[in-house]
Amino acid sequence: MKPRANAECEAQSASQPPQARGNHPPPAKLAVQGLTHRYAMRSPPAELTVLSGIDLEIPRGQFVCIIGESGCGKSTLLRMMAGLLVPSEGRVLHDGALVRGVRHELGFVFQQDAVFPWLTVEKNVAYGPKSRGVPKAERERLVAQWCDAVGLTAFRKAYPKQLSGGMRKRVDLARAYANAPDVLLMDEPFAALDVQTKAEMHDAVLELWRSTRKTVVFVTHDLDEAVFLSDAVVVLSSRPGRVHAIVQSTLPRPRTGETRVSDAFAAAKRTLWTTLQEARARPLAHAPSGAGETKRIDPPNARRDRPGRNNA
């Protein structure tokens, strides 16, 4: 597959050979190396390969979305990045260290509400720091900071049942950030929200990302969501999931309501849609010609330095 480029987006093929990156490429915040995963099926006994030969590097401070059709292994890949699952083959590295088991540096936000219904907002937010033995004064500072950051200061004493779906998601975000993650992994966290509330959550999560510059990896089925949020979108092929392409965004930041109705946004969505259809159409029996090569996501300055070029 040859890369396509337009004024808004560049789609980089997973089968394209790597471009020169200079002598000192930026270190990967997250690296996935030779990752393949299989699930054991009971009836009839068999193995189902959901991911195959994933090699991917995500730079520090990037907002990266992962898309692909249902069943291609997006959520499985995200859980392996978080240490929630162990791959059948390959490994995940965080700052060069092997990811083994759950660690607070790799925060996770689930699609379903993960708040504790018997705890108030402030106690939900304090739960992670308390579990790690953070002193009470520091916990209180963190609760105040992150409740304020997500607009829940007035609801600190409320219980989850007293909150709307969007507000409970704000609790999830505050709780994740209060636990001092280095990377935030989000699995379709806003899928159940209505369009207007989802747009408000997009603004909230981008403001948190802008203020903290944490690396974010975000799984979604929503192309508008992926285009609006991301620096780059990883497109997985049909099962078994492989990195079919990486679509680098050139939409300017900050992203606003005007971004959503711009010609640049529409063009970016068209590019992403076309790339996703190509990923779905790829024959499952054939691996991409570039399989085994590491797919690197360019940091923004590298994309500005090399306009119109792709890097697989």
Protein backbone atom coordinates (compact mmCIF):
# COMPACT_ATOMS: atom_id res chain seq x y z
CA MET A 1 0.00 0.00 0.00
CA LYS A 2 1.36 3.40 -0.94
CA PRO A 3 0.86 6.31 1.45
CA ARG A 4 -1.69 8.97 0.62
CA ALA A 5 -1.25 12.56 1.66
CA ASN A 6 -3.50 15.60 1.51
CA ALA A 7 -3.56 19.00 3.17
CA GLU A 8 -5.22 17.60 6.27
CA CYS A 9 -3.95 14.07 6.88
CA GLU A 10 -1.30 11.62 5.80
CA ALA A 11 -2.07 7.90 5.79
CA GLN A 12 1.04 5.83 6.29
CA SER A 13 1.02 2.23 5.19
CA ALA A 14 2.17 -0.51 7.50
CA SER A 15 3.77 -2.19 4.48
CA GLN A 16 5.92 0.80 3.55
CA PRO A 17 9.65 0.62 4.44
CA PRO A 18 10.84 2.91 7.23
CA GLN A 19 12.01 6.37 6.31
CA ALA A 20 15.20 7.80 7.71
CA ARG A 21 14.68 9.24 11.16
CA GLY A 22 18.12 10.69 11.81
CA ASN A 23 20.71 9.41 14.23
CA HIS A 24 18.77 10.13 17.43
CA PRO A 25 15.05 9.29 17.22
CA PRO A 26 13.04 10.26 20.30
CA PRO A 27 12.64 7.37 22.77
CA ALA A 28 9.33 5.55 22.73
CA LYS A 29 7.11 6.09 25.74
CA LEU A 30 5.35 2.82 24.88
CA ALA A 31 6.77 0.12 22.62
CA VAL A 32 4.97 -3.01 21.46
CA GLN A 33 7.34 -5.63 20.09
CA GLY A 34 6.38 -8.79 18.20
CA LEU A 35 3.04 -9.01 19.98
CA THR A 36 0.71 -11.87 19.09
CA HIS A 37 -2.19 -13.05 21.23
CA ARG A 38 -4.44 -16.09 21.11
CA TYR A 39 -7.53 -17.00 23.08
CA ALA A 40 -8.38 -20.61 23.88
CA MET A 41 -11.81 -21.58 22.54
CA ARG A 42 -13.68 -24.37 24.37
CA SER A 43 -16.35 -25.45 21.92
CA PRO A 44 -14.89 -26.88 19.79
CA PRO A 45 -11.38 -26.79 21.35
CA ALA A 46 -9.29 -24.40 19.28
CA GLU A 47 -7.16 -21.28 19.45
CA LEU A 48 -8.37 -17.92 18.13
CA THR A 49 -5.62 -15.51 17.09
CA VAL A 50 -6.84 -11.97 17.74
CA LEU A 51 -3.57 -10.05 17.28
CA SER A 52 -0.61 -10.93 15.10
CA GLY A 53 2.85 -9.42 14.82
CA ILE A 54 2.17 -6.00 16.35
CA ASP A 55 5.27 -3.76 16.35
CA LEU A 56 4.53 -0.18 17.36
CA GLU A 57 6.27 2.75 19.04
CA ILE A 58 4.38 5.66 20.64
CA PRO A 59 6.41 8.80 21.51
CA ARG A 60 6.16 10.72 24.75
CA GLY A 61 3.30 13.19 25.08
CA GLN A 62 1.28 12.04 22.05
CA PHE A 63 -2.48 11.57 21.89
CA VAL A 64 -2.93 8.39 19.86
CA CYS A 65 -6.21 6.75 18.89
CA ILE A 66 -6.64 3.11 17.84
CA ILE A 67 -9.47 2.14 15.49
CA GLY A 68 -10.53 -0.99 13.64
CA GLU A 69 -13.61 -3.11 13.12
CA SER A 70 -15.19 -5.03 15.99
CA GLY A 71 -13.22 -8.10 17.00
CA CYS A 72 -9.86 -6.96 15.61
CA GLY A 73 -8.20 -6.84 19.05
CA LYS A 74 -8.18 -3.12 19.89
CA SER A 75 -9.22 -3.54 23.52
CA THR A 76 -7.02 -6.60 23.92
CA LEU A 77 -4.01 -4.60 22.74
CA LEU A 78 -4.85 -1.76 25.12
CA ARG A 79 -5.14 -4.14 28.07
CA MET A 80 -1.73 -5.57 27.25
CA MET A 81 -0.28 -2.07 27.21
CA ALA A 82 -1.73 -1.65 30.71
CA GLY A 83 -0.39 -4.97 32.00
CA LEU A 84 -3.91 -6.33 32.49
CA LEU A 85 -3.26 -9.19 30.04
CA VAL A 86 -0.10 -11.11 29.18
CA PRO A 87 0.51 -11.59 25.42
CA SER A 88 0.94 -15.08 24.00
CA GLU A 89 4.07 -13.82 22.23
CA GLY A 90 6.04 -10.57 22.30
CA ARG A 91 6.19 -7.85 24.90
CA VAL A 92 5.21 -4.29 25.85
CA LEU A 93 7.79 -1.79 27.13
CA HIS A 94 7.16 1.39 29.11
CA ASP A 95 10.18 3.68 28.94
CA GLY A 96 12.20 0.63 27.98
CA ALA A 97 11.05 -1.45 30.98
CA LEU A 98 9.00 -4.60 30.51
CA VAL A 99 5.34 -4.20 31.47
CA ARG A 100 4.44 -6.96 33.89
CA GLY A 101 1.18 -6.63 35.80
CA VAL A 102 -0.76 -3.55 36.79
CA ARG A 103 1.16 -0.43 37.81
CA HIS A 104 -0.09 3.03 38.69
CA GLU A 105 2.11 4.62 36.01
CA LEU A 106 -0.19 3.06 33.40
CA GLY A 107 -3.64 4.47 34.15
CA PHE A 108 -6.73 2.85 32.63
CA VAL A 109 -10.22 4.23 31.98
CA PHE A 110 -12.80 1.59 31.08
CA GLN A 111 -15.83 1.89 28.83
CA GLN A 112 -18.13 0.98 31.72
CA ASP A 113 -18.39 3.15 34.81
CA ALA A 114 -15.60 2.09 37.14
CA VAL A 115 -16.52 4.33 40.07
CA PHE A 116 -17.29 2.72 43.42
CA PRO A 117 -21.01 3.38 44.06
CA TRP A 118 -20.58 3.27 47.87
CA LEU A 119 -17.96 6.04 47.87
CA THR A 120 -18.44 9.76 47.37
CA VAL A 121 -16.75 11.58 44.50
CA GLU A 122 -13.85 12.74 46.65
CA LYS A 123 -13.31 9.28 48.14
CA ASN A 124 -13.36 7.73 44.67
CA VAL A 125 -10.71 10.19 43.53
CA ALA A 126 -8.62 9.54 46.66
CA TYR A 127 -8.83 5.76 46.36
CA GLY A 128 -5.71 5.20 44.22
CA PRO A 129 -3.39 7.51 46.17
CA LYS A 130 -4.67 6.03 49.46
CA SER A 131 -3.98 2.50 48.20
CA ARG A 132 -0.41 3.56 47.38
CA GLY A 133 0.13 4.97 50.84
CA VAL A 134 0.16 8.65 49.85
CA PRO A 135 -0.02 10.81 53.02
CA LYS A 136 -3.42 12.30 53.88
CA ALA A 137 -2.42 15.93 53.28
CA GLU A 138 -1.14 15.08 49.80
CA ARG A 139 -4.26 13.03 49.07
CA GLU A 140 -6.44 15.98 49.96
CA ARG A 141 -4.39 18.22 47.68
CA LEU A 142 -4.75 15.75 44.81
CA VAL A 143 -8.51 15.43 45.35
CA ALA A 144 -8.92 19.21 45.31
CA GLN A 145 -6.71 19.57 42.23
CA TRP A 146 -8.36 16.94 40.07
CA CYS A 147 -11.95 17.56 41.14
CA ASP A 148 -11.39 21.17 40.15
CA ALA A 149 -9.72 20.13 36.86
CA VAL A 150 -12.78 18.14 35.75
CA GLY A 151 -15.38 20.55 37.11
CA LEU A 152 -16.58 18.49 40.08
CA THR A 153 -15.59 20.67 43.02
CA ALA A 154 -19.23 21.35 43.86
CA PHE A 155 -20.01 17.60 43.79
CA ARG A 156 -17.23 16.23 45.98
CA LYS A 157 -19.68 14.94 48.61
CA ALA A 158 -22.08 13.41 46.06
CA TYR A 159 -22.44 9.69 45.39
CA PRO A 160 -22.27 8.27 41.84
CA LYS A 161 -26.02 7.52 41.77
CA GLN A 162 -26.62 11.26 42.15
CA LEU A 163 -24.53 12.08 39.03
CA SER A 164 -25.23 11.99 35.32
CA GLY A 165 -23.32 9.62 33.01
CA GLY A 166 -21.04 12.42 31.86
CA MET A 167 -20.28 13.46 35.42
CA ARG A 168 -19.43 9.88 36.38
CA LYS A 169 -16.96 9.83 33.49
CA ARG A 170 -15.42 12.99 34.91
CA VAL A 171 -14.98 11.09 38.18
CA ASP A 172 -13.22 8.32 36.24
CA LEU A 173 -10.86 10.88 34.69
CA ALA A 174 -10.14 12.60 37.99
CA ARG A 175 -9.48 9.28 39.69
CA ALA A 176 -7.11 8.19 36.92
CA TYR A 177 -5.11 11.43 36.98
CA ALA A 178 -5.00 11.60 40.78
CA ASN A 179 -3.14 8.28 40.77
CA ALA A 180 -0.21 9.95 38.97
CA PRO A 181 -0.13 7.96 35.72
CA ASP A 182 2.64 8.48 33.21
CA VAL A 183 0.45 7.07 30.43
CA LEU A 184 -3.35 7.11 30.26
CA LEU A 185 -5.03 4.23 28.41
CA MET A 186 -8.71 4.76 27.57
CA ASP A 187 -11.02 2.05 26.20
CA GLU A 188 -14.01 3.71 24.48
CA PRO A 189 -14.76 5.69 27.63
CA PHE A 190 -17.45 7.89 26.07
CA ALA A 191 -19.23 5.30 23.90
CA ALA A 192 -22.42 5.34 26.01
CA LEU A 193 -22.79 9.12 26.11
CA ASP A 194 -25.05 11.26 23.94
CA VAL A 195 -23.45 13.40 21.24
CA GLN A 196 -23.51 16.68 23.15
CA THR A 197 -22.15 15.18 26.38
CA LYS A 198 -19.49 13.32 24.42
CA ALA A 199 -18.36 16.60 22.82
CA GLU A 200 -18.09 18.16 26.29
CA MET A 201 -15.99 15.21 27.46
CA HIS A 202 -13.73 15.59 24.43
CA ASP A 203 -13.06 19.18 25.44
CA ALA A 204 -12.40 18.09 29.03
CA VAL A 205 -9.99 15.29 28.13
CA LEU A 206 -8.08 17.49 25.67
CA GLU A 207 -7.71 20.20 28.30
CA LEU A 208 -6.33 17.63 30.76
CA TRP A 209 -3.96 16.35 28.09
CA ARG A 210 -2.85 19.89 27.20
CA SER A 211 -2.17 20.80 30.82
CA THR A 212 -0.34 17.58 31.76
CA ARG A 213 1.16 16.41 28.45
CA LYS A 214 0.67 12.81 29.51
CA THR A 215 0.82 10.22 26.75
CA VAL A 216 -2.72 9.04 25.91
CA VAL A 217 -3.75 5.93 23.97
CA PHE A 218 -7.48 5.95 23.22
CA VAL A 219 -9.51 3.12 21.64
CA THR A 220 -12.63 4.16 19.73
CA HIS A 221 -15.07 3.13 16.98
CA ASP A 222 -16.04 6.76 16.37
CA LEU A 223 -14.16 8.34 13.44
CA ASP A 224 -15.19 11.87 14.43
CA GLU A 225 -13.81 11.22 17.91
CA ALA A 226 -10.53 9.87 16.54
CA VAL A 227 -10.04 12.80 14.17
CA PHE A 228 -10.92 15.42 16.80
CA LEU A 229 -8.73 14.05 19.59
CA SER A 230 -5.65 12.56 18.04
CA ASP A 231 -2.17 13.41 16.88
CA ALA A 232 -2.14 10.07 15.09
CA VAL A 233 -4.54 7.18 14.51
CA VAL A 234 -3.40 3.55 14.43
CA VAL A 235 -5.65 1.57 12.07
CA LEU A 236 -5.83 -2.17 12.74
CA SER A 237 -6.74 -4.72 10.09
CA SER A 238 -9.49 -7.29 10.47
CA ARG A 239 -8.81 -10.18 12.85
CA PRO A 240 -6.12 -11.12 13.47
CA GLY A 241 -5.39 -7.47 14.10
CA ARG A 242 -2.22 -6.04 12.57
CA VAL A 243 -1.10 -2.45 12.16
CA HIS A 244 -2.49 -1.71 8.71
CA ALA A 245 -1.64 2.00 8.68
CA ILE A 246 -0.94 5.03 10.80
CA VAL A 247 -2.81 8.21 9.91
CA GLN A 248 -0.93 11.30 11.08
CA SER A 249 -3.09 14.35 11.75
CA THR A 250 -2.11 17.84 10.68
CA LEU A 251 -5.21 19.51 12.14
CA PRO A 252 -4.04 22.50 14.20
CA ARG A 253 -4.47 22.69 17.95
CA PRO A 254 -6.27 23.72 20.01
CA ARG A 255 -9.29 21.86 18.61
CA THR A 256 -12.59 23.70 18.99
CA GLY A 257 -16.19 23.46 17.91
CA GLU A 258 -15.17 25.21 14.68
CA THR A 259 -12.71 22.40 14.01
CA ARG A 260 -15.56 19.90 13.81
CA VAL A 261 -17.28 21.74 10.94
CA SER A 262 -14.16 22.72 9.00
CA ASP A 263 -13.19 21.48 5.54
CA ALA A 264 -9.93 20.20 7.02
CA PHE A 265 -11.85 18.03 9.50
CA ALA A 266 -14.06 16.59 6.74
CA ALA A 267 -11.01 15.78 4.61
CA ALA A 268 -9.28 14.12 7.57
CA LYS A 269 -12.35 11.98 8.24
CA ARG A 270 -12.53 10.93 4.57
CA THR A 271 -8.90 9.81 4.69
CA LEU A 272 -9.51 7.84 7.86
CA TRP A 273 -12.68 6.26 6.48
CA THR A 274 -10.91 5.15 3.29
CA THR A 275 -7.99 3.72 5.26
CA LEU A 276 -10.34 1.80 7.54
CA GLN A 277 -12.18 0.28 4.55
CA GLU A 278 -8.84 -0.83 3.09
CA ALA A 279 -7.94 -2.40 6.43
CA ARG A 280 -11.22 -4.34 6.49
CA ALA A 281 -10.76 -5.52 2.89
CA ARG A 282 -7.24 -6.89 3.40
CA PRO A 283 -7.35 -10.70 3.02
CA LEU A 284 -7.05 -12.29 6.44
CA ALA A 285 -4.84 -15.10 5.18
CA HIS A 286 -2.04 -12.76 4.14
CA ALA A 287 0.14 -10.69 6.39
CA PRO A 288 1.22 -7.24 5.15
CA SER A 289 4.47 -7.21 3.20
CA GLY A 290 6.00 -5.00 5.90
CA ALA A 291 5.08 -7.31 8.77
CA GLY A 292 7.78 -7.37 11.43
CA GLU A 293 8.79 -3.75 10.91
CA THR A 294 8.28 -1.37 13.81
CA LYS A 295 5.66 1.27 13.08
CA ARG A 296 6.69 4.56 14.66
CA ILE A 297 4.41 7.50 15.26
CA ASP A 298 6.14 10.76 14.42
CA PRO A 299 6.17 13.53 17.02
CA PRO A 300 4.61 16.76 15.68
CA ASN A 301 7.92 18.55 15.10
CA ALA A 302 9.12 15.70 12.89
CA ARG A 303 5.95 15.94 10.81
CA ARG A 304 6.46 19.66 10.35
CA ASP A 305 10.05 19.09 9.32
CA ARG A 306 9.04 16.54 6.69
CA PRO A 307 5.75 17.76 5.16
CA GLY A 308 4.00 15.31 2.88
CA ARG A 309 6.14 12.36 3.89
CA ASN A 310 5.12 9.24 5.76
CA ASN A 311 6.98 6.99 8.15
CA ALA A 312 5.83 3.44 8.73
